[in-house]
Amino acid sequence: MIEQSIQELIQYGIEKELITSEDEIFLRNQLMDLLQLSAWETPALPEVLPTIDEILDKLVSYAAEKGIIIDSNAARDLFDTRIMGLLTERPHTVNRSFFAAYHRSPEEATDWYYQYSKDTNYVRAGRIAKDLRWTYDCEYGTLDVTINRSKPEKDPRDIAAAKNQPQTKYPACQLCIENTGFAGTLTHPARQNLRPIPISIHGGNWAFQYSPYGYYNEHCIVFNQKHVPMVIDAAVFEKLFDVLDMLPHYFIGSNADLPIVGGSILSHEHFQGGHYTFAMAKAPVETPFLLPNQPEVQAGIVKWPMSVIRLQSENRSALATACDHVLTQWRTYTDAEAEIYAETDGTPHNTITPIARMRGKLYECDLVLRNNRTTAERPLGLFHPNPSLHHIKKENIGLIEVMGLAVLPARLAGELPVLARALYSDADLTQTDSLRSHMPWLEEVRTRHPEANAENAETIIQQEIGAVFEQVLLDAGVFKRTDAGKAQFLRFVEQVCSTAD
């Protein structure tokens, strides 16, 4: 009976300290109203509670069966978020709890807030656990690979219904502060359980929250409370360092501000960060250099598939100045031999992906050089995965992947076991439309792995996909990891040094 699931949810809220026993009757009545119940009989609780996903699934399924909601993916997500919103404190209470913990330590504050975000099911931990993950060791370190299976698929019924839904510009995007507590629509996710933490960055009002479908530990988003576009300029370094001053145990980075090499939401200024160490952060400097007149700043080229300059200093002001100098020089840099053009027909192409972290007392900033030029032969981008890799990775290379974590499309989750079987069975995949594009690559893998069998085939395929991701990063590097490419990179560094203040 539905009373069982309601009581389980109430008990879950008490155990997670989202509510107290004093709130039980109030919450029960709220849930009865939501589920259109007029009578109540208190059930016995099981010795072990189901997971929050299991409890919510039963409540949502009941609502669908009774016609309270339509039975579609979007409608179910809207409804389960509405339920969890009843267990989520008002923003001022959440903020007070966060900053009370923050006065003890920044790490205690984020530990509390991340757990709270999971307990209220804003961070969909149960779904995130469905993602496939493995690692790949190469000369640049240990790369992370994940296949996203956590985000719900679009339901044809939702797509059809959305066409008849009135268009609105509120909230303007999924990063706006107005998402706090928002009920959602068929085209915009519900956020009744979202409670961003207000913070001050570079004298402005910002906020931070966690990603509901995080790709790594404590995957957070730091965003401007104003809906303003992404811009990489001198101020961005001060903003990143402000975040580090507040959360020194986190890294923080920004997507680039141009299409193709930028993030998916360029219309709203935001950063991404978290409590995780990526392979790029562990990569060493292979070519150190000095910036004239900036003795407090250490600089060097990082040994990484993409083109990265690392700058360090205990003096954050000096470091911000040095970072801006590199950015300024890169914005206007052209090297025809390397096929790098700062602009064509008035359209700018050069930008950076900056990532900042603390290294003891040192502020450290990695500047990943990016160029979004396209050609007739490479319409998706000259410094983009080459067409032979598109069967695995065709999408843009953003901040997370720049640092060494591949986010691969959900379709690969179903294709992976098929590819593994085909590897040792010599199956021909050209007869299946969705698999045909894998065949040339699979033939190469078969040649390299005659030892493949039923026991090791999936591991081999995973490692070969890791090798594809390594090549994806090499393709995205503006200066290639060849002798010629390294010489071209040094030419840019020489210009940076010769023009330093």
Protein backbone atom coordinates (compact mmCIF):
# COMPACT_ATOMS: atom_id res chain seq x y z
CA MET A 1 0.00 0.00 0.00
CA ILE A 2 1.11 3.57 -0.67
CA GLU A 3 1.11 4.39 3.07
CA GLN A 4 4.13 2.10 3.40
CA SER A 5 6.19 4.16 0.94
CA ILE A 6 5.10 7.44 2.52
CA GLN A 7 6.15 6.22 5.96
CA GLU A 8 9.46 4.97 4.56
CA LEU A 9 10.13 8.42 3.09
CA ILE A 10 9.32 10.08 6.40
CA GLN A 11 11.66 7.69 8.21
CA TYR A 12 14.36 8.34 5.58
CA GLY A 13 14.02 12.07 6.25
CA ILE A 14 14.38 11.54 10.01
CA GLU A 15 17.42 9.27 9.64
CA LYS A 16 19.13 11.72 7.27
CA GLU A 17 18.25 14.61 9.63
CA LEU A 18 16.33 16.39 6.91
CA ILE A 19 13.37 16.55 9.30
CA THR A 20 12.74 15.67 12.95
CA SER A 21 10.02 13.56 14.52
CA GLU A 22 8.21 16.84 15.25
CA ASP A 23 7.75 17.27 11.51
CA GLU A 24 6.32 13.80 10.87
CA ILE A 25 2.59 14.59 10.91
CA PHE A 26 3.09 17.79 8.92
CA LEU A 27 5.10 16.01 6.21
CA ARG A 28 2.65 13.11 6.11
CA ASN A 29 -0.22 15.52 5.47
CA GLN A 30 1.78 17.27 2.76
CA LEU A 31 2.44 13.95 1.03
CA MET A 32 -1.18 12.83 1.42
CA ASP A 33 -2.30 16.03 -0.26
CA LEU A 34 0.23 15.59 -3.07
CA LEU A 35 -0.90 11.99 -3.65
CA GLN A 36 -4.61 12.83 -3.19
CA LEU A 37 -5.13 10.57 -0.18
CA SER A 38 -7.96 11.23 2.27
CA ALA A 39 -7.40 8.38 4.75
CA TRP A 40 -4.39 7.10 6.66
CA GLU A 41 -3.39 3.91 8.38
CA THR A 42 0.11 3.85 9.84
CA PRO A 43 2.07 0.86 8.51
CA ALA A 44 4.94 -1.04 10.10
CA LEU A 45 8.39 -0.17 8.82
CA PRO A 46 10.85 -2.78 7.50
CA GLU A 47 14.01 -3.43 9.47
CA VAL A 48 16.07 -2.03 6.59
CA LEU A 49 14.74 0.91 4.61
CA PRO A 50 14.76 0.74 0.79
CA THR A 51 17.04 3.21 -1.00
CA ILE A 52 15.71 6.69 -1.68
CA ASP A 53 15.47 5.80 -5.38
CA GLU A 54 13.33 2.76 -4.56
CA ILE A 55 11.06 4.75 -2.26
CA LEU A 56 10.58 7.52 -4.79
CA ASP A 57 9.96 5.07 -7.61
CA LYS A 58 7.03 3.57 -5.71
CA LEU A 59 5.56 6.98 -4.89
CA VAL A 60 5.91 8.20 -8.47
CA SER A 61 4.52 4.96 -9.91
CA TYR A 62 1.48 5.32 -7.66
CA ALA A 63 0.95 8.89 -8.91
CA ALA A 64 1.17 7.66 -12.51
CA GLU A 65 -1.24 4.76 -11.89
CA LYS A 66 -3.80 7.12 -10.32
CA GLY A 67 -3.53 9.63 -13.15
CA ILE A 68 -2.00 12.32 -10.94
CA ILE A 69 0.86 12.59 -13.45
CA ILE A 70 1.45 11.20 -16.92
CA ASP A 71 3.80 8.23 -16.97
CA SER A 72 6.80 9.69 -18.82
CA ASN A 73 10.45 10.24 -17.90
CA ALA A 74 10.18 14.01 -17.53
CA ALA A 75 6.91 13.88 -15.61
CA ARG A 76 8.31 11.29 -13.21
CA ASP A 77 11.44 13.39 -12.58
CA LEU A 78 9.34 16.51 -12.02
CA PHE A 79 7.21 14.69 -9.49
CA ASP A 80 9.98 12.97 -7.50
CA THR A 81 11.82 16.30 -7.24
CA ARG A 82 8.61 17.91 -6.01
CA ILE A 83 8.40 15.24 -3.31
CA MET A 84 12.01 15.81 -2.21
CA GLY A 85 11.38 19.55 -2.13
CA LEU A 86 9.07 18.89 0.82
CA LEU A 87 12.04 17.50 2.77
CA THR A 88 14.47 20.29 1.82
CA GLU A 89 15.03 23.24 4.15
CA ARG A 90 14.49 26.85 3.11
CA PRO A 91 17.58 28.55 1.58
CA HIS A 92 18.37 30.68 4.64
CA THR A 93 18.50 27.59 6.87
CA VAL A 94 20.79 25.72 4.47
CA ASN A 95 23.04 28.75 4.15
CA ARG A 96 23.24 29.11 7.92
CA SER A 97 24.25 25.45 8.31
CA PHE A 98 26.89 25.74 5.58
CA PHE A 99 28.56 28.82 7.00
CA ALA A 100 28.42 27.49 10.56
CA ALA A 101 30.44 24.51 9.31
CA TYR A 102 32.64 26.80 7.18
CA HIS A 103 33.75 28.75 10.28
CA ARG A 104 35.20 25.47 11.53
CA SER A 105 36.81 24.61 8.19
CA PRO A 106 36.08 24.94 4.44
CA GLU A 107 36.39 21.18 4.03
CA GLU A 108 33.86 20.47 6.77
CA ALA A 109 31.44 22.87 5.05
CA THR A 110 31.71 21.21 1.66
CA ASP A 111 31.54 17.73 3.23
CA TRP A 112 28.27 18.72 4.88
CA TYR A 113 26.82 20.44 1.81
CA TYR A 114 27.69 17.61 -0.56
CA GLN A 115 26.13 15.03 1.75
CA TYR A 116 23.05 17.24 2.14
CA SER A 117 22.77 17.54 -1.64
CA LYS A 118 22.88 13.75 -1.92
CA ASP A 119 20.44 13.20 0.94
CA THR A 120 17.89 15.55 -0.64
CA ASN A 121 18.47 13.71 -3.94
CA TYR A 122 19.57 16.86 -5.73
CA VAL A 123 22.79 15.02 -6.45
CA ARG A 124 21.39 11.84 -7.99
CA ALA A 125 23.88 9.47 -6.41
CA GLY A 126 21.88 6.38 -7.31
CA ARG A 127 21.86 7.28 -10.98
CA ILE A 128 25.49 8.40 -11.01
CA ALA A 129 26.44 4.94 -9.75
CA LYS A 130 25.12 3.51 -13.03
CA ASP A 131 27.83 5.27 -15.05
CA LEU A 132 30.57 3.00 -16.41
CA ARG A 133 34.06 4.00 -15.30
CA TRP A 134 37.59 2.78 -15.84
CA THR A 135 41.12 4.13 -16.22
CA TYR A 136 43.74 4.07 -18.95
CA ASP A 137 47.47 4.38 -18.33
CA CYS A 138 49.55 6.19 -20.93
CA GLU A 139 52.76 8.23 -21.04
CA TYR A 140 50.82 11.29 -19.82
CA GLY A 141 49.45 9.61 -16.69
CA THR A 142 46.29 7.75 -15.76
CA LEU A 143 43.33 9.00 -17.77
CA ASP A 144 39.76 8.54 -16.53
CA VAL A 145 37.05 7.21 -18.83
CA THR A 146 33.33 7.30 -18.12
CA ILE A 147 30.23 6.41 -20.13
CA ASN A 148 27.28 8.46 -18.99
CA ARG A 149 24.27 6.32 -18.10
CA SER A 150 22.83 8.51 -15.35
CA LYS A 151 20.90 11.19 -17.22
CA PRO A 152 17.36 10.06 -18.16
CA GLU A 153 16.69 9.56 -21.84
CA LYS A 154 14.25 11.86 -23.59
CA ASP A 155 10.80 10.33 -23.81
CA PRO A 156 8.94 10.76 -27.13
CA ARG A 157 5.80 11.62 -25.15
CA ASP A 158 7.62 14.46 -23.41
CA ILE A 159 8.98 15.75 -26.72
CA ALA A 160 5.50 15.76 -28.21
CA ALA A 161 3.92 17.41 -25.15
CA ALA A 162 6.64 20.08 -24.99
CA LYS A 163 5.59 21.37 -28.41
CA ASN A 164 2.26 22.45 -26.94
CA GLN A 165 3.77 24.00 -23.82
CA PRO A 166 3.90 27.82 -23.63
CA GLN A 167 7.42 29.13 -24.18
CA THR A 168 8.97 30.99 -21.27
CA LYS A 169 12.30 32.64 -20.53
CA TYR A 170 12.14 32.01 -16.79
CA PRO A 171 14.64 30.89 -15.63
CA ALA A 172 16.76 32.12 -18.53
CA CYS A 173 18.92 28.98 -18.38
CA GLN A 174 19.69 26.02 -16.13
CA LEU A 175 22.49 27.94 -14.38
CA CYS A 176 20.41 30.91 -13.23
CA ILE A 177 19.86 31.55 -9.52
CA GLU A 178 16.12 31.59 -10.28
CA ASN A 179 16.29 27.79 -10.53
CA THR A 180 16.31 27.70 -6.71
CA GLY A 181 13.11 25.87 -5.79
CA PHE A 182 11.76 26.03 -9.36
CA ALA A 183 9.04 23.49 -10.16
CA GLY A 184 10.32 22.77 -13.66
CA THR A 185 8.59 22.07 -16.95
CA LEU A 186 8.74 19.32 -19.57
CA THR A 187 11.74 21.14 -21.08
CA HIS A 188 13.36 22.48 -17.90
CA PRO A 189 14.28 20.26 -14.91
CA ALA A 190 12.60 20.67 -11.54
CA ARG A 191 14.75 22.20 -8.82
CA GLN A 192 12.58 22.23 -5.66
CA ASN A 193 15.49 20.59 -3.81
CA LEU A 194 18.19 22.96 -5.10
CA ARG A 195 19.78 25.29 -2.54
CA PRO A 196 22.78 27.18 -3.99
CA ILE A 197 25.18 28.73 -1.48
CA PRO A 198 25.66 32.50 -2.02
CA ILE A 199 29.29 33.64 -2.22
CA SER A 200 31.12 36.83 -3.19
CA ILE A 201 33.49 36.62 -6.15
CA HIS A 202 35.44 39.60 -7.48
CA GLY A 203 33.05 41.95 -5.72
CA GLY A 204 29.98 40.37 -7.34
CA ASN A 205 27.19 38.08 -6.20
CA TRP A 206 27.87 34.48 -7.17
CA ALA A 207 26.74 31.10 -5.84
CA PHE A 208 27.88 27.53 -5.86
CA GLN A 209 26.10 24.19 -5.97
CA TYR A 210 26.83 20.62 -6.97
CA SER A 211 26.09 19.05 -10.32
CA PRO A 212 23.11 16.68 -10.09
CA TYR A 213 24.96 14.26 -12.40
CA GLY A 214 28.55 14.79 -11.31
CA TYR A 215 31.41 13.16 -13.22
CA TYR A 216 33.88 13.15 -10.29
CA ASN A 217 33.96 13.69 -6.53
CA GLU A 218 32.11 16.81 -5.36
CA HIS A 219 31.64 18.08 -8.91
CA CYS A 220 30.53 21.66 -8.25
CA ILE A 221 29.39 24.61 -10.32
CA VAL A 222 30.24 28.19 -9.33
CA PHE A 223 28.10 30.70 -11.18
CA ASN A 224 27.40 34.40 -11.50
CA GLN A 225 23.99 35.30 -10.10
CA LYS A 226 23.55 37.58 -13.12
CA HIS A 227 22.78 35.96 -16.46
CA VAL A 228 25.85 37.24 -18.30
CA PRO A 229 27.89 35.42 -20.98
CA MET A 230 31.14 33.57 -20.51
CA VAL A 231 34.18 35.80 -21.03
CA ILE A 232 37.83 34.88 -20.60
CA ASP A 233 39.66 38.10 -19.71
CA ALA A 234 42.03 39.49 -17.09
CA ALA A 235 39.32 39.37 -14.41
CA VAL A 236 38.74 35.62 -14.79
CA PHE A 237 42.00 34.81 -12.99
CA GLU A 238 41.10 36.95 -9.98
CA LYS A 239 37.71 35.24 -9.90
CA LEU A 240 39.26 31.77 -9.97
CA PHE A 241 41.69 32.71 -7.21
CA ASP A 242 38.82 34.12 -5.12
CA VAL A 243 37.20 30.68 -5.29
CA LEU A 244 40.48 29.07 -4.20
CA ASP A 245 40.74 31.46 -1.26
CA MET A 246 37.30 30.31 -0.15
CA LEU A 247 37.67 26.62 -1.03
CA PRO A 248 41.43 25.91 -1.05
CA HIS A 249 40.91 22.12 -1.17
CA TYR A 250 39.05 22.37 -4.50
CA PHE A 251 40.31 22.90 -8.02
CA ILE A 252 38.35 25.43 -10.09
CA GLY A 253 38.34 25.96 -13.84
CA SER A 254 36.52 27.68 -16.65
CA ASN A 255 35.48 26.45 -20.03
CA ALA A 256 36.73 28.47 -22.96
CA ASP A 257 34.53 31.30 -24.20
CA LEU A 258 34.29 30.36 -27.90
CA PRO A 259 32.08 27.81 -29.66
CA ILE A 260 33.50 24.33 -30.41
CA VAL A 261 36.21 24.62 -27.74
CA GLY A 262 33.92 26.07 -25.08
CA GLY A 263 31.28 24.61 -22.78
CA SER A 264 27.68 23.73 -23.50
CA ILE A 265 26.33 26.88 -21.80
CA LEU A 266 28.32 29.89 -23.03
CA SER A 267 25.44 32.26 -22.27
CA HIS A 268 25.97 32.18 -18.49
CA GLU A 269 29.26 32.86 -16.72
CA HIS A 270 30.23 29.90 -14.58
CA PHE A 271 33.11 27.71 -13.46
CA GLN A 272 33.37 24.04 -12.56
CA GLY A 273 35.39 22.58 -9.73
CA GLY A 274 35.49 19.93 -7.09
CA HIS A 275 37.49 17.76 -4.71
CA TYR A 276 39.33 15.65 -7.25
CA THR A 277 42.83 15.43 -8.72
CA PHE A 278 42.88 14.88 -12.47
CA ALA A 279 45.75 13.42 -14.46
CA MET A 280 46.65 16.85 -15.84
CA ALA A 281 47.24 18.19 -12.32
CA LYS A 282 49.72 15.36 -11.75
CA ALA A 283 51.52 15.90 -15.09
CA PRO A 284 55.01 17.40 -14.70
CA VAL A 285 56.47 20.52 -16.26
CA GLU A 286 58.82 19.31 -18.99
CA THR A 287 60.11 22.69 -20.23
CA PRO A 288 60.46 25.40 -17.56
CA PHE A 289 60.95 29.01 -18.57
CA LEU A 290 61.27 32.43 -16.92
CA LEU A 291 59.13 35.48 -17.48
CA PRO A 292 61.36 38.58 -17.49
CA ASN A 293 60.50 41.12 -14.77
CA GLN A 294 58.22 38.59 -13.03
CA PRO A 295 60.63 36.75 -10.70
CA GLU A 296 57.84 35.66 -8.34
CA VAL A 297 56.20 33.54 -11.04
CA GLN A 298 57.39 30.09 -12.09
CA ALA A 299 56.37 28.98 -15.58
CA GLY A 300 56.70 25.99 -17.84
CA ILE A 301 55.21 23.80 -20.56
CA VAL A 302 53.36 20.79 -19.13
CA LYS A 303 53.90 17.28 -20.46
CA TRP A 304 50.33 16.76 -21.61
CA PRO A 305 48.62 15.77 -24.91
CA MET A 306 47.14 19.26 -25.22
CA SER A 307 49.13 22.50 -25.18
CA VAL A 308 49.38 23.67 -21.57
CA ILE A 309 51.38 26.41 -19.86
CA ARG A 310 51.58 26.15 -16.07
CA LEU A 311 52.17 29.23 -13.92
CA GLN A 312 52.76 29.24 -10.14
CA SER A 313 53.31 31.85 -7.46
CA GLU A 314 52.59 32.57 -3.80
CA ASN A 315 51.70 36.08 -4.98
CA ARG A 316 48.24 35.76 -6.53
CA SER A 317 48.33 39.30 -7.94
CA ALA A 318 51.60 38.61 -9.77
CA LEU A 319 50.23 35.30 -10.99
CA ALA A 320 47.03 36.91 -12.30
CA THR A 321 49.13 39.47 -14.20
CA ALA A 322 51.30 36.72 -15.71
CA CYS A 323 48.26 34.65 -16.72
CA ASP A 324 46.67 37.66 -18.38
CA HIS A 325 49.89 38.32 -20.27
CA VAL A 326 49.89 34.79 -21.71
CA LEU A 327 46.21 35.15 -22.62
CA THR A 328 46.77 38.52 -24.29
CA GLN A 329 49.65 37.17 -26.38
CA TRP A 330 47.69 34.07 -27.36
CA ARG A 331 44.60 36.01 -28.44
CA THR A 332 46.55 37.63 -31.29
CA TYR A 333 49.02 34.83 -32.05
CA THR A 334 49.28 33.41 -35.56
CA ASP A 335 51.58 30.63 -36.77
CA ALA A 336 50.76 29.55 -40.30
CA GLU A 337 53.15 26.60 -40.10
CA ALA A 338 51.13 25.24 -37.15
CA GLU A 339 47.86 26.14 -38.93
CA ILE A 340 47.04 28.54 -36.09
CA TYR A 341 45.33 31.77 -37.07
CA ALA A 342 44.18 34.28 -34.45
CA GLU A 343 41.27 35.30 -36.65
CA THR A 344 39.82 34.81 -40.13
CA ASP A 345 37.50 37.31 -41.74
CA GLY A 346 37.24 39.14 -38.44
CA THR A 347 36.20 36.05 -36.44
CA PRO A 348 38.50 35.39 -33.43
CA HIS A 349 39.77 31.83 -32.89
CA ASN A 350 42.24 31.85 -30.00
CA THR A 351 41.21 31.45 -26.36
CA ILE A 352 42.17 29.40 -23.32
CA THR A 353 40.74 26.93 -20.83
CA PRO A 354 42.13 28.02 -17.43
CA ILE A 355 42.27 25.65 -14.42
CA ALA A 356 43.43 26.82 -10.97
CA ARG A 357 44.37 24.96 -7.80
CA MET A 358 46.45 25.40 -4.65
CA ARG A 359 49.78 23.57 -4.44
CA GLY A 360 50.67 24.06 -0.78
CA LYS A 361 51.11 27.82 -0.47
CA LEU A 362 51.40 28.25 -4.22
CA TYR A 363 48.55 29.39 -6.43
CA GLU A 364 48.81 27.33 -9.61
CA CYS A 365 47.07 27.99 -12.91
CA ASP A 366 47.18 25.81 -16.03
CA LEU A 367 46.38 27.67 -19.24
CA VAL A 368 45.28 25.29 -21.99
CA LEU A 369 45.68 26.97 -25.38
CA ARG A 370 42.62 26.52 -27.61
CA ASN A 371 41.76 27.41 -31.21
CA ASN A 372 38.33 26.85 -32.78
CA ARG A 373 39.14 27.32 -36.46
CA THR A 374 37.30 25.08 -38.91
CA THR A 375 38.16 24.06 -42.46
CA ALA A 376 36.25 22.49 -45.33
CA GLU A 377 37.89 19.17 -44.51
CA ARG A 378 37.36 19.56 -40.75
CA PRO A 379 34.03 21.41 -40.33
CA LEU A 380 33.75 20.38 -36.66
CA GLY A 381 37.09 21.94 -35.84
CA LEU A 382 40.69 21.65 -36.94
CA PHE A 383 41.77 21.05 -33.32
CA HIS A 384 39.00 18.58 -32.62
CA PRO A 385 38.82 14.76 -32.65
CA ASN A 386 39.64 13.63 -36.18
CA PRO A 387 36.82 11.91 -38.12
CA SER A 388 38.30 8.42 -37.61
CA LEU A 389 37.55 8.80 -33.86
CA HIS A 390 33.97 10.01 -34.16
CA HIS A 391 32.56 6.52 -33.68
CA ILE A 392 33.79 6.85 -30.09
CA LYS A 393 33.98 10.60 -29.49
CA LYS A 394 32.53 13.30 -31.72
CA GLU A 395 31.44 15.89 -29.16
CA ASN A 396 33.35 19.02 -28.12
CA ILE A 397 36.31 18.75 -25.76
CA GLY A 398 35.47 20.88 -22.75
CA LEU A 399 37.02 21.60 -19.38
CA ILE A 400 36.53 18.16 -17.82
CA GLU A 401 38.03 16.28 -20.76
CA VAL A 402 40.87 18.76 -21.10
CA MET A 403 41.97 17.67 -17.62
CA GLY A 404 41.93 13.97 -18.54
CA LEU A 405 38.42 12.61 -17.95
CA ALA A 406 36.62 11.28 -21.02
CA VAL A 407 32.85 11.75 -20.96
CA LEU A 408 31.60 9.35 -23.60
CA PRO A 409 28.06 9.12 -25.00
CA ALA A 410 25.49 6.82 -23.39
CA ARG A 411 25.11 4.81 -26.62
CA LEU A 412 28.50 3.20 -25.94
CA ALA A 413 27.18 1.48 -22.80
CA GLY A 414 25.07 -0.83 -24.96
CA GLU A 415 27.67 -1.11 -27.71
CA LEU A 416 30.56 -2.06 -25.41
CA PRO A 417 29.53 -5.72 -24.82
CA VAL A 418 28.66 -6.11 -28.52
CA LEU A 419 32.11 -4.84 -29.49
CA ALA A 420 33.72 -7.17 -26.96
CA ARG A 421 31.94 -10.23 -28.40
CA ALA A 422 32.73 -9.15 -31.93
CA LEU A 423 36.41 -8.79 -31.04
CA TYR A 424 36.95 -12.52 -30.40
CA SER A 425 34.14 -13.95 -32.56
CA ASP A 426 35.11 -12.19 -35.81
CA ALA A 427 31.51 -10.99 -36.15
CA ASP A 428 30.76 -8.55 -38.96
CA LEU A 429 29.09 -5.43 -37.59
CA THR A 430 28.59 -3.72 -40.94
CA GLN A 431 25.05 -5.10 -41.19
CA THR A 432 23.93 -3.05 -38.15
CA ASP A 433 23.52 0.67 -38.82
CA SER A 434 24.37 1.77 -35.29
CA LEU A 435 27.56 -0.32 -35.19
CA ARG A 436 28.87 -0.01 -38.74
CA SER A 437 31.08 2.99 -37.93
CA HIS A 438 33.06 0.92 -35.40
CA MET A 439 34.16 -1.71 -37.93
CA PRO A 440 37.40 -0.15 -39.31
CA TRP A 441 38.63 0.49 -35.76
CA LEU A 442 37.56 -2.96 -34.59
CA GLU A 443 39.56 -4.59 -37.38
CA GLU A 444 42.67 -2.73 -36.17
CA VAL A 445 42.02 -3.81 -32.59
CA ARG A 446 41.70 -7.45 -33.72
CA THR A 447 45.09 -7.19 -35.41
CA ARG A 448 46.68 -5.85 -32.24
CA HIS A 449 45.02 -8.41 -29.95
CA PRO A 450 45.03 -11.94 -31.36
CA GLU A 451 44.87 -13.15 -27.74
CA ALA A 452 41.30 -11.79 -27.31
CA ASN A 453 38.79 -14.22 -25.82
CA ALA A 454 35.52 -14.17 -23.87
CA GLU A 455 37.32 -13.47 -20.58
CA ASN A 456 39.52 -10.55 -21.62
CA ALA A 457 37.68 -8.97 -24.58
CA GLU A 458 35.80 -6.31 -22.62
CA THR A 459 38.98 -5.18 -20.84
CA ILE A 460 40.78 -4.97 -24.20
CA ILE A 461 37.96 -2.86 -25.69
CA GLN A 462 37.99 -0.56 -22.66
CA GLN A 463 41.74 -0.03 -22.96
CA GLU A 464 41.49 0.60 -26.69
CA ILE A 465 38.77 3.19 -26.02
CA GLY A 466 41.18 4.77 -23.55
CA ALA A 467 43.77 4.94 -26.32
CA VAL A 468 41.18 6.66 -28.53
CA PHE A 469 40.66 9.27 -25.81
CA GLU A 470 44.41 9.87 -25.61
CA GLN A 471 44.38 10.53 -29.36
CA VAL A 472 41.35 12.80 -28.95
CA LEU A 473 43.38 14.97 -26.58
CA LEU A 474 46.36 14.94 -28.94
CA ASP A 475 44.10 16.09 -31.77
CA ALA A 476 42.78 18.92 -29.60
CA GLY A 477 46.29 20.19 -28.88
CA VAL A 478 47.14 23.26 -30.93
CA PHE A 479 50.85 22.41 -30.86
CA LYS A 480 51.39 18.74 -31.63
CA ARG A 481 53.56 16.40 -29.59
CA THR A 482 56.05 16.06 -32.43
CA ASP A 483 59.49 17.64 -32.74
CA ALA A 484 58.02 20.22 -35.10
CA GLY A 485 55.07 20.88 -32.79
CA LYS A 486 57.33 21.31 -29.76
CA ALA A 487 59.46 23.80 -31.68
CA GLN A 488 56.32 25.72 -32.65
CA PHE A 489 55.22 25.80 -29.01
CA LEU A 490 58.61 27.18 -28.00
CA ARG A 491 58.22 29.96 -30.59
CA PHE A 492 55.06 31.07 -28.84
CA VAL A 493 56.78 30.89 -25.45
CA GLU A 494 59.62 33.04 -26.80
CA GLN A 495 57.07 35.66 -27.82
CA VAL A 496 55.46 35.51 -24.38
CA CYS A 497 58.84 36.03 -22.74
CA SER A 498 60.04 38.75 -25.10
CA THR A 499 56.92 40.84 -24.51
CA ALA A 500 56.65 40.33 -20.71
CA ASP A 501 56.41 43.52 -18.69
